[in-house]
PDB file of N, CA and C in Angstrom:
ATOM      1  N   PRO A   1       7.381  66.097 -60.512  1.00  0.00           N
ATOM      2  CA  PRO A   1       7.891  65.125 -59.566  1.00  0.00           C
ATOM      3  C   PRO A   1       9.198  65.529 -58.649  1.00  0.00           C
ATOM      4  N   ARG A   2       9.007  65.078 -57.449  1.00  0.00           N
ATOM      5  CA  ARG A   2      10.203  65.392 -56.392  1.00  0.00           C
ATOM      6  C   ARG A   2      11.280  64.359 -56.677  1.00  0.00           C
ATOM      7  N   PRO A   3      12.808  65.165 -56.832  1.00  0.00           N
ATOM      8  CA  PRO A   3      13.904  64.503 -56.816  1.00  0.00           C
ATOM      9  C   PRO A   3      14.245  63.449 -56.122  1.00  0.00           C
ATOM     10  N   ALA A   4      14.903  62.149 -56.274  1.00  0.00           N
ATOM     11  CA  ALA A   4      15.088  61.312 -55.125  1.00  0.00           C
ATOM     12  C   ALA A   4      15.809  61.923 -54.236  1.00  0.00           C
ATOM     13  N   GLY A   5      15.489  61.720 -52.749  1.00  0.00           N
ATOM     14  CA  GLY A   5      16.419  62.169 -51.804  1.00  0.00           C
ATOM     15  C   GLY A   5      16.138  63.715 -51.327  1.00  0.00           C
ATOM     16  N   CYS A   6      15.279  64.268 -52.295  1.00  0.00           N
ATOM     17  CA  CYS A   6      15.143  65.687 -52.138  1.00  0.00           C
ATOM     18  C   CYS A   6      14.369  65.882 -50.298  1.00  0.00           C
ATOM     19  N   LEU A   7      13.643  64.984 -49.898  1.00  0.00           N
ATOM     20  CA  LEU A   7      12.845  65.108 -48.653  1.00  0.00           C
ATOM     21  C   LEU A   7      13.749  64.471 -47.236  1.00  0.00           C
ATOM     22  N   ALA A   8      14.889  63.998 -47.541  1.00  0.00           N
ATOM     23  CA  ALA A   8      15.759  63.501 -46.555  1.00  0.00           C
ATOM     24  C   ALA A   8      16.084  64.459 -45.321  1.00  0.00           C
ATOM     25  N   GLY A   9      15.629  64.100 -44.242  1.00  0.00           N
ATOM     26  CA  GLY A   9      16.010  64.983 -43.134  1.00  0.00           C
ATOM     27  C   GLY A   9      15.330  66.468 -42.982  1.00  0.00           C
ATOM     28  N   ARG A  10      14.317  66.443 -43.663  1.00  0.00           N
ATOM     29  CA  ARG A  10      13.528  67.438 -43.498  1.00  0.00           C
ATOM     30  C   ARG A  10      12.224  67.280 -42.457  1.00  0.00           C
ATOM     31  N   GLY A  11      12.177  66.179 -42.117  1.00  0.00           N
ATOM     32  CA  GLY A  11      11.028  65.948 -40.733  1.00  0.00           C
ATOM     33  C   GLY A  11       9.499  65.762 -41.138  1.00  0.00           C
ATOM     34  N   VAL A  12       8.715  65.452 -40.404  1.00  0.00           N
ATOM     35  CA  VAL A  12       7.255  65.037 -41.017  1.00  0.00           C
ATOM     36  C   VAL A  12       6.533  66.387 -41.611  1.00  0.00           C
ATOM     37  N   GLY A  13       6.958  67.245 -40.798  1.00  0.00           N
ATOM     38  CA  GLY A  13       5.947  68.542 -41.090  1.00  0.00           C
ATOM     39  C   GLY A  13       6.321  69.013 -42.493  1.00  0.00           C
ATOM     40  N   ARG A  14       7.426  69.171 -42.746  1.00  0.00           N
ATOM     41  CA  ARG A  14       7.865  69.633 -44.095  1.00  0.00           C
ATOM     42  C   ARG A  14       7.876  68.902 -45.235  1.00  0.00           C
ATOM     43  N   THR A  15       8.171  67.551 -44.694  1.00  0.00           N
ATOM     44  CA  THR A  15       7.614  66.190 -45.877  1.00  0.00           C
ATOM     45  C   THR A  15       6.193  66.498 -46.147  1.00  0.00           C
ATOM     46  N   LEU A  16       5.246  66.457 -45.074  1.00  0.00           N
ATOM     47  CA  LEU A  16       3.890  66.173 -45.602  1.00  0.00           C
ATOM     48  C   LEU A  16       3.409  67.588 -46.266  1.00  0.00           C
ATOM     49  N   ALA A  17       3.952  68.772 -45.987  1.00  0.00           N
ATOM     50  CA  ALA A  17       3.665  69.958 -46.798  1.00  0.00           C
ATOM     51  C   ALA A  17       4.487  69.854 -47.990  1.00  0.00           C
ATOM     52  N   SER A  18       5.097  69.139 -48.258  1.00  0.00           N
ATOM     53  CA  SER A  18       5.650  69.078 -49.609  1.00  0.00           C
ATOM     54  C   SER A  18       4.878  68.160 -50.647  1.00  0.00           C
ATOM     55  N   MET A  19       4.326  66.937 -49.805  1.00  0.00           N
ATOM     56  CA  MET A  19       3.957  65.660 -50.569  1.00  0.00           C
ATOM     57  C   MET A  19       2.537  65.856 -50.970  1.00  0.00           C
ATOM     58  N   VAL A  20       1.640  66.618 -49.903  1.00  0.00           N
ATOM     59  CA  VAL A  20       0.224  66.330 -49.854  1.00  0.00           C
ATOM     60  C   VAL A  20      -0.001  66.815 -51.264  1.00  0.00           C
ATOM     61  N   PRO A  21       0.121  67.949 -51.940  1.00  0.00           N
ATOM     62  CA  PRO A  21      -0.259  68.477 -53.079  1.00  0.00           C
ATOM     63  C   PRO A  21      -0.238  67.162 -54.300  1.00  0.00           C
ATOM     64  N   CYS A  22       0.971  66.632 -54.056  1.00  0.00           N
ATOM     65  CA  CYS A  22       1.451  65.348 -55.061  1.00  0.00           C
ATOM     66  C   CYS A  22       0.281  64.650 -54.925  1.00  0.00           C
ATOM     67  N   ALA A  23      -0.324  64.315 -53.872  1.00  0.00           N
ATOM     68  CA  ALA A  23      -1.123  62.681 -53.620  1.00  0.00           C
ATOM     69  C   ALA A  23      -2.447  63.445 -53.341  1.00  0.00           C
ATOM     70  N   SER A  24      -3.042  64.695 -53.655  1.00  0.00           N
ATOM     71  CA  SER A  24      -4.402  64.936 -53.686  1.00  0.00           C
ATOM     72  C   SER A  24      -5.475  64.433 -54.168  1.00  0.00           C
ATOM     73  N   PHE A  25      -5.173  63.413 -55.259  1.00  0.00           N
ATOM     74  CA  PHE A  25      -6.456  62.559 -55.790  1.00  0.00           C
ATOM     75  C   PHE A  25      -6.485  61.327 -55.133  1.00  0.00           C
ATOM     76  N   THR A  26      -5.702  61.187 -54.023  1.00  0.00           N
ATOM     77  CA  THR A  26      -5.959  59.753 -53.221  1.00  0.00           C
ATOM     78  C   THR A  26      -6.692  59.883 -52.032  1.00  0.00           C
ATOM     79  N   GLY A  27      -6.861  60.983 -51.633  1.00  0.00           N
ATOM     80  CA  GLY A  27      -7.363  61.274 -50.183  1.00  0.00           C
ATOM     81  C   GLY A  27      -8.821  61.104 -49.940  1.00  0.00           C
ATOM     82  N   PRO A  28      -9.511  61.577 -50.993  1.00  0.00           N
ATOM     83  CA  PRO A  28     -11.170  61.425 -51.302  1.00  0.00           C
ATOM     84  C   PRO A  28     -11.414  59.958 -51.235  1.00  0.00           C
ATOM     85  N   TRP A  29     -10.781  59.261 -51.936  1.00  0.00           N
ATOM     86  CA  TRP A  29     -11.196  57.814 -52.081  1.00  0.00           C
ATOM     87  C   TRP A  29     -10.737  57.114 -50.860  1.00  0.00           C
ATOM     88  N   ASN A  30      -9.765  57.266 -50.068  1.00  0.00           N
ATOM     89  CA  ASN A  30      -9.601  56.514 -49.000  1.00  0.00           C
ATOM     90  C   ASN A  30     -10.436  57.218 -47.898  1.00  0.00           C
ATOM     91  N   ALA A  31     -10.843  58.246 -47.928  1.00  0.00           N
ATOM     92  CA  ALA A  31     -12.204  58.824 -46.978  1.00  0.00           C
ATOM     93  C   ALA A  31     -13.209  58.351 -47.102  1.00  0.00           C
ATOM     94  N   CYS A  32     -13.761  58.225 -48.449  1.00  0.00           N
ATOM     95  CA  CYS A  32     -15.120  57.402 -48.818  1.00  0.00           C
ATOM     96  C   CYS A  32     -14.943  55.887 -48.500  1.00  0.00           C
ATOM     97  N   GLY A  33     -13.824  55.235 -48.363  1.00  0.00           N
ATOM     98  CA  GLY A  33     -13.689  53.940 -48.189  1.00  0.00           C
ATOM     99  C   GLY A  33     -14.044  53.069 -49.833  1.00  0.00           C
ATOM    100  N   LEU A  34     -13.582  53.721 -50.802  1.00  0.00           N
ATOM    101  CA  LEU A  34     -14.003  53.190 -52.067  1.00  0.00           C
ATOM    102  C   LEU A  34     -12.633  52.674 -52.784  1.00  0.00           C
ATOM    103  N   PRO A  35     -12.468  51.354 -53.506  1.00  0.00           N
ATOM    104  CA  PRO A  35     -11.176  51.110 -53.716  1.00  0.00           C
ATOM    105  C   PRO A  35     -10.732  51.991 -55.146  1.00  0.00           C
ATOM    106  N   ALA A  36      -9.489  52.277 -55.484  1.00  0.00           N
ATOM    107  CA  ALA A  36      -8.926  53.010 -56.743  1.00  0.00           C
ATOM    108  C   ALA A  36      -7.435  52.284 -56.973  1.00  0.00           C
ATOM    109  N   VAL A  37      -7.430  52.374 -58.154  1.00  0.00           N
ATOM    110  CA  VAL A  37      -6.075  52.066 -58.539  1.00  0.00           C
ATOM    111  C   VAL A  37      -5.673  53.133 -59.744  1.00  0.00           C
ATOM    112  N   SER A  38      -4.151  53.310 -59.610  1.00  0.00           N
ATOM    113  CA  SER A  38      -3.537  53.988 -60.813  1.00  0.00           C
ATOM    114  C   SER A  38      -2.788  53.313 -61.779  1.00  0.00           C
ATOM    115  N   LEU A  39      -2.993  53.666 -62.785  1.00  0.00           N
ATOM    116  CA  LEU A  39      -2.142  52.646 -63.793  1.00  0.00           C
ATOM    117  C   LEU A  39      -1.380  53.690 -64.777  1.00  0.00           C
ATOM    118  N   PRO A  40      -0.271  53.120 -64.835  1.00  0.00           N
ATOM    119  CA  PRO A  40       0.590  54.061 -66.003  1.00  0.00           C
ATOM    120  C   PRO A  40      -0.200  53.699 -67.599  1.00  0.00           C
ATOM    121  N   VAL A  41      -0.133  54.907 -68.105  1.00  0.00           N
ATOM    122  CA  VAL A  41      -0.954  54.804 -69.762  1.00  0.00           C
ATOM    123  C   VAL A  41       0.085  55.329 -70.460  1.00  0.00           C
ATOM    124  N   GLY A  42       1.373  55.905 -70.378  1.00  0.00           N
ATOM    125  CA  GLY A  42       2.296  56.461 -71.247  1.00  0.00           C
ATOM    126  C   GLY A  42       3.188  57.457 -70.681  1.00  0.00           C
ATOM    127  N   MET A  43       3.841  58.286 -71.814  1.00  0.00           N
ATOM    128  CA  MET A  43       4.687  59.312 -71.455  1.00  0.00           C
ATOM    129  C   MET A  43       4.613  60.719 -72.006  1.00  0.00           C
ATOM    130  N   ALA A  44       4.488  61.714 -71.055  1.00  0.00           N
ATOM    131  CA  ALA A  44       4.505  63.041 -71.576  1.00  0.00           C
ATOM    132  C   ALA A  44       5.771  63.406 -72.447  1.00  0.00           C
ATOM    133  N   ALA A  45       5.498  64.195 -73.015  1.00  0.00           N
ATOM    134  CA  ALA A  45       6.894  64.806 -73.896  1.00  0.00           C
ATOM    135  C   ALA A  45       8.043  65.053 -73.050  1.00  0.00           C
ATOM    136  N   GLU A  46       7.706  65.576 -71.685  1.00  0.00           N
ATOM    137  CA  GLU A  46       8.951  65.705 -70.899  1.00  0.00           C
ATOM    138  C   GLU A  46       9.448  64.446 -70.541  1.00  0.00           C
ATOM    139  N   ARG A  47       9.123  63.404 -70.884  1.00  0.00           N
ATOM    140  CA  ARG A  47       9.515  61.730 -70.268  1.00  0.00           C
ATOM    141  C   ARG A  47       9.197  61.951 -68.993  1.00  0.00           C
ATOM    142  N   LEU A  48       8.130  62.330 -68.573  1.00  0.00           N
ATOM    143  CA  LEU A  48       7.395  62.076 -67.440  1.00  0.00           C
ATOM    144  C   LEU A  48       6.302  61.204 -67.325  1.00  0.00           C
ATOM    145  N   PRO A  49       6.204  60.327 -66.443  1.00  0.00           N
ATOM    146  CA  PRO A  49       5.051  59.145 -66.596  1.00  0.00           C
ATOM    147  C   PRO A  49       3.764  59.877 -66.776  1.00  0.00           C
ATOM    148  N   VAL A  50       2.472  59.363 -67.262  1.00  0.00           N
ATOM    149  CA  VAL A  50       1.392  59.720 -67.348  1.00  0.00           C
ATOM    150  C   VAL A  50       0.438  58.628 -67.048  1.00  0.00           C
ATOM    151  N   GLY A  51      -0.490  58.703 -65.882  1.00  0.00           N
ATOM    152  CA  GLY A  51      -1.168  57.460 -65.606  1.00  0.00           C
ATOM    153  C   GLY A  51      -2.829  58.274 -65.544  1.00  0.00           C
ATOM    154  N   VAL A  52      -3.496  57.069 -65.369  1.00  0.00           N
ATOM    155  CA  VAL A  52      -5.348  57.250 -64.839  1.00  0.00           C
ATOM    156  C   VAL A  52      -5.507  56.593 -63.750  1.00  0.00           C
ATOM    157  N   GLN A  53      -6.341  57.233 -62.992  1.00  0.00           N
ATOM    158  CA  GLN A  53      -6.914  56.739 -61.797  1.00  0.00           C
ATOM    159  C   GLN A  53      -8.154  56.255 -61.908  1.00  0.00           C
ATOM    160  N   VAL A  54      -8.378  54.816 -61.491  1.00  0.00           N
ATOM    161  CA  VAL A  54      -9.880  54.420 -61.999  1.00  0.00           C
ATOM    162  C   VAL A  54     -10.271  53.995 -60.606  1.00  0.00           C
ATOM    163  N   VAL A  55     -11.576  54.436 -60.126  1.00  0.00           N
ATOM    164  CA  VAL A  55     -12.099  54.211 -58.760  1.00  0.00           C
ATOM    165  C   VAL A  55     -13.327  53.565 -59.110  1.00  0.00           C
ATOM    166  N   GLY A  56     -13.559  52.408 -58.137  1.00  0.00           N
ATOM    167  CA  GLY A  56     -14.706  51.533 -58.257  1.00  0.00           C
ATOM    168  C   GLY A  56     -15.643  51.540 -56.928  1.00  0.00           C
ATOM    169  N   PRO A  57     -16.780  51.034 -57.129  1.00  0.00           N
ATOM    170  CA  PRO A  57     -17.621  51.211 -56.246  1.00  0.00           C
ATOM    171  C   PRO A  57     -17.162  49.978 -54.834  1.00  0.00           C
ATOM    172  N   ALA A  58     -17.753  50.325 -53.596  1.00  0.00           N
ATOM    173  CA  ALA A  58     -17.344  49.521 -52.721  1.00  0.00           C
ATOM    174  C   ALA A  58     -17.360  48.089 -52.882  1.00  0.00           C
ATOM    175  N   GLY A  59     -16.256  47.327 -52.360  1.00  0.00           N
ATOM    176  CA  GLY A  59     -16.083  45.826 -52.662  1.00  0.00           C
ATOM    177  C   GLY A  59     -15.566  45.558 -54.043  1.00  0.00           C
ATOM    178  N   SER A  60     -15.119  46.443 -54.800  1.00  0.00           N
ATOM    179  CA  SER A  60     -14.861  46.098 -56.260  1.00  0.00           C
ATOM    180  C   SER A  60     -13.351  45.907 -56.560  1.00  0.00           C
ATOM    181  N   GLU A  61     -12.424  45.847 -55.199  1.00  0.00           N
ATOM    182  CA  GLU A  61     -11.145  45.587 -55.419  1.00  0.00           C
ATOM    183  C   GLU A  61     -10.820  44.407 -56.275  1.00  0.00           C
ATOM    184  N   ALA A  62     -11.412  43.189 -56.463  1.00  0.00           N
ATOM    185  CA  ALA A  62     -11.096  42.284 -57.449  1.00  0.00           C
ATOM    186  C   ALA A  62     -11.253  42.741 -58.929  1.00  0.00           C
ATOM    187  N   MET A  63     -12.600  43.490 -59.219  1.00  0.00           N
ATOM    188  CA  MET A  63     -12.662  43.678 -60.614  1.00  0.00           C
ATOM    189  C   MET A  63     -11.554  44.813 -61.012  1.00  0.00           C
ATOM    190  N   LEU A  64     -10.979  45.718 -60.372  1.00  0.00           N
ATOM    191  CA  LEU A  64     -10.089  46.684 -60.226  1.00  0.00           C
ATOM    192  C   LEU A  64      -8.715  46.391 -60.531  1.00  0.00           C
ATOM    193  N   LEU A  65      -8.563  45.116 -59.586  1.00  0.00           N
ATOM    194  CA  LEU A  65      -7.503  44.441 -60.129  1.00  0.00           C
ATOM    195  C   LEU A  65      -7.219  43.725 -61.321  1.00  0.00           C
ATOM    196  N   ARG A  66      -8.235  42.941 -61.940  1.00  0.00           N
ATOM    197  CA  ARG A  66      -8.542  42.325 -62.888  1.00  0.00           C
ATOM    198  C   ARG A  66      -8.076  43.424 -64.091  1.00  0.00           C
ATOM    199  N   LEU A  67      -8.829  44.489 -63.875  1.00  0.00           N
ATOM    200  CA  LEU A  67      -8.941  45.464 -65.012  1.00  0.00           C
ATOM    201  C   LEU A  67      -7.241  46.195 -65.134  1.00  0.00           C
ATOM    202  N   ALA A  68      -6.599  46.433 -63.820  1.00  0.00           N
ATOM    203  CA  ALA A  68      -5.022  46.698 -64.098  1.00  0.00           C
ATOM    204  C   ALA A  68      -4.329  45.467 -64.643  1.00  0.00           C
ATOM    205  N   ALA A  69      -4.782  44.375 -64.352  1.00  0.00           N
ATOM    206  CA  ALA A  69      -3.968  43.442 -64.915  1.00  0.00           C
ATOM    207  C   ALA A  69      -3.894  43.294 -66.441  1.00  0.00           C
ATOM    208  N   SER A  70      -5.000  43.370 -66.765  1.00  0.00           N
ATOM    209  CA  SER A  70      -5.644  43.214 -68.270  1.00  0.00           C
ATOM    210  C   SER A  70      -4.697  44.664 -69.294  1.00  0.00           C
ATOM    211  N   LEU A  71      -4.713  45.675 -68.548  1.00  0.00           N
ATOM    212  CA  LEU A  71      -4.077  46.772 -69.158  1.00  0.00           C
ATOM    213  C   LEU A  71      -3.053  47.312 -69.122  1.00  0.00           C
ATOM    214  N   GLU A  72      -2.276  46.399 -67.957  1.00  0.00           N
ATOM    215  CA  GLU A  72      -0.957  46.630 -67.780  1.00  0.00           C
ATOM    216  C   GLU A  72      -0.056  46.063 -68.965  1.00  0.00           C
ATOM    217  N   PRO A  73      -0.137  45.054 -69.615  1.00  0.00           N
ATOM    218  CA  PRO A  73       0.673  44.657 -70.966  1.00  0.00           C
ATOM    219  C   PRO A  73       0.422  45.499 -72.128  1.00  0.00           C
ATOM    220  N   LEU A  74      -0.751  46.393 -72.185  1.00  0.00           N
ATOM    221  CA  LEU A  74      -1.082  47.235 -73.342  1.00  0.00           C
ATOM    222  C   LEU A  74      -0.083  48.448 -73.160  1.00  0.00           C
ATOM    223  N   ALA A  75       0.459  49.011 -72.063  1.00  0.00           N
ATOM    224  CA  ALA A  75       1.035  50.096 -71.949  1.00  0.00           C
ATOM    225  C   ALA A  75       2.643  49.868 -72.047  1.00  0.00           C
ATOM    226  N   GLY A  76       3.147  48.234 -71.884  1.00  0.00           N
ATOM    227  CA  GLY A  76       4.421  48.371 -72.078  1.00  0.00           C
ATOM    228  C   GLY A  76       5.135  48.809 -70.876  1.00  0.00           C
ATOM    229  N   TRP A  77       4.786  48.833 -70.126  1.00  0.00           N
ATOM    230  CA  TRP A  77       5.749  49.258 -68.874  1.00  0.00           C
ATOM    231  C   TRP A  77       6.868  48.139 -68.325  1.00  0.00           C
ATOM    232  N   ARG A  78       6.380  46.983 -68.454  1.00  0.00           N
ATOM    233  CA  ARG A  78       7.634  45.871 -67.769  1.00  0.00           C
ATOM    234  C   ARG A  78       8.679  46.100 -68.625  1.00  0.00           C
ATOM    235  N   ASP A  79       8.970  46.630 -70.144  1.00  0.00           N
ATOM    236  CA  ASP A  79       9.795  46.650 -70.927  1.00  0.00           C
ATOM    237  C   ASP A  79      10.676  47.839 -70.833  1.00  0.00           C
ATOM    238  N   ARG A  80      10.122  49.056 -69.952  1.00  0.00           N
ATOM    239  CA  ARG A  80      10.737  50.454 -70.044  1.00  0.00           C
ATOM    240  C   ARG A  80      11.603  50.285 -68.594  1.00  0.00           C
ATOM    241  N   ARG A  81      12.583  51.045 -68.557  1.00  0.00           N
ATOM    242  CA  ARG A  81      13.692  51.173 -67.589  1.00  0.00           C
ATOM    243  C   ARG A  81      13.799  52.570 -67.051  1.00  0.00           C
ATOM    244  N   ALA A  82      14.006  53.118 -66.051  1.00  0.00           N
ATOM    245  CA  ALA A  82      14.528  54.394 -66.050  1.00  0.00           C
ATOM    246  C   ALA A  82      15.977  54.538 -66.083  1.00  0.00           C
ATOM    247  N   GLU A  83      15.942  55.672 -66.931  1.00  0.00           N
ATOM    248  CA  GLU A  83      17.501  56.214 -66.869  1.00  0.00           C
ATOM    249  C   GLU A  83      18.297  56.571 -65.648  1.00  0.00           C
ATOM    250  N   PRO A  84      19.369  56.271 -65.536  1.00  0.00           N
ATOM    251  CA  PRO A  84      20.153  57.012 -64.157  1.00  0.00           C
ATOM    252  C   PRO A  84      20.064  58.241 -64.182  1.00  0.00           C
ATOM    253  N   ASP A  85      20.236  58.751 -62.759  1.00  0.00           N
ATOM    254  CA  ASP A  85      20.126  60.348 -62.684  1.00  0.00           C
ATOM    255  C   ASP A  85      21.214  60.286 -61.820  1.00  0.00           C
ATOM    256  N   SER A  86      22.304  61.045 -62.647  1.00  0.00           N
ATOM    257  CA  SER A  86      23.852  61.107 -61.893  1.00  0.00           C
ATOM    258  C   SER A  86      23.643  61.905 -60.928  1.00  0.00           C
ATOM    259  N   SER A  87      22.733  62.809 -60.775  1.00  0.00           N
ATOM    260  CA  SER A  87      22.758  63.700 -59.664  1.00  0.00           C
ATOM    261  C   SER A  87      22.243  63.241 -58.266  1.00  0.00           C
ATOM    262  N   HIS A  88      21.692  62.056 -58.637  1.00  0.00           N
ATOM    263  CA  HIS A  88      21.267  61.341 -57.122  1.00  0.00           C
ATOM    264  C   HIS A  88      21.989  59.814 -57.101  1.00  0.00           C
ATOM    265  N   PRO A  89      23.020  59.882 -56.950  1.00  0.00           N
ATOM    266  CA  PRO A  89      23.651  58.344 -57.095  1.00  0.00           C
ATOM    267  C   PRO A  89      23.094  57.608 -55.875  1.00  0.00           C
ATOM    268  N   THR A  90      22.968  56.123 -56.336  1.00  0.00           N
ATOM    269  CA  THR A  90      22.377  55.264 -55.535  1.00  0.00           C
ATOM    270  C   THR A  90      23.670  54.691 -54.507  1.00  0.00           C
ATOM    271  N   PRO A  91      23.103  54.678 -53.512  1.00  0.00           N
ATOM    272  CA  PRO A  91      24.454  54.196 -52.448  1.00  0.00           C
ATOM    273  C   PRO A  91      24.653  52.694 -52.648  1.00  0.00           C
TER     274      PRO A  91
END
């Protein structure tokens, strides 16, 4: 993960070069026109979130949203709050 604010003032080229590797699994589905949803499912030992991406056939947006809505309560994310990061104060 990139720390909050680490891309400020870098410009479009440097920002894209830094972020494209972080989003490498979304491009193929966008290019194919297939709906996809990313769902948080847990935490890694390093206290980083772990997710799963589900891709559906064309026209299955409603099904993916229903799936996401049914799985969201199981992960318990509504009850989680990020710990403040003192190295990046909120304005």
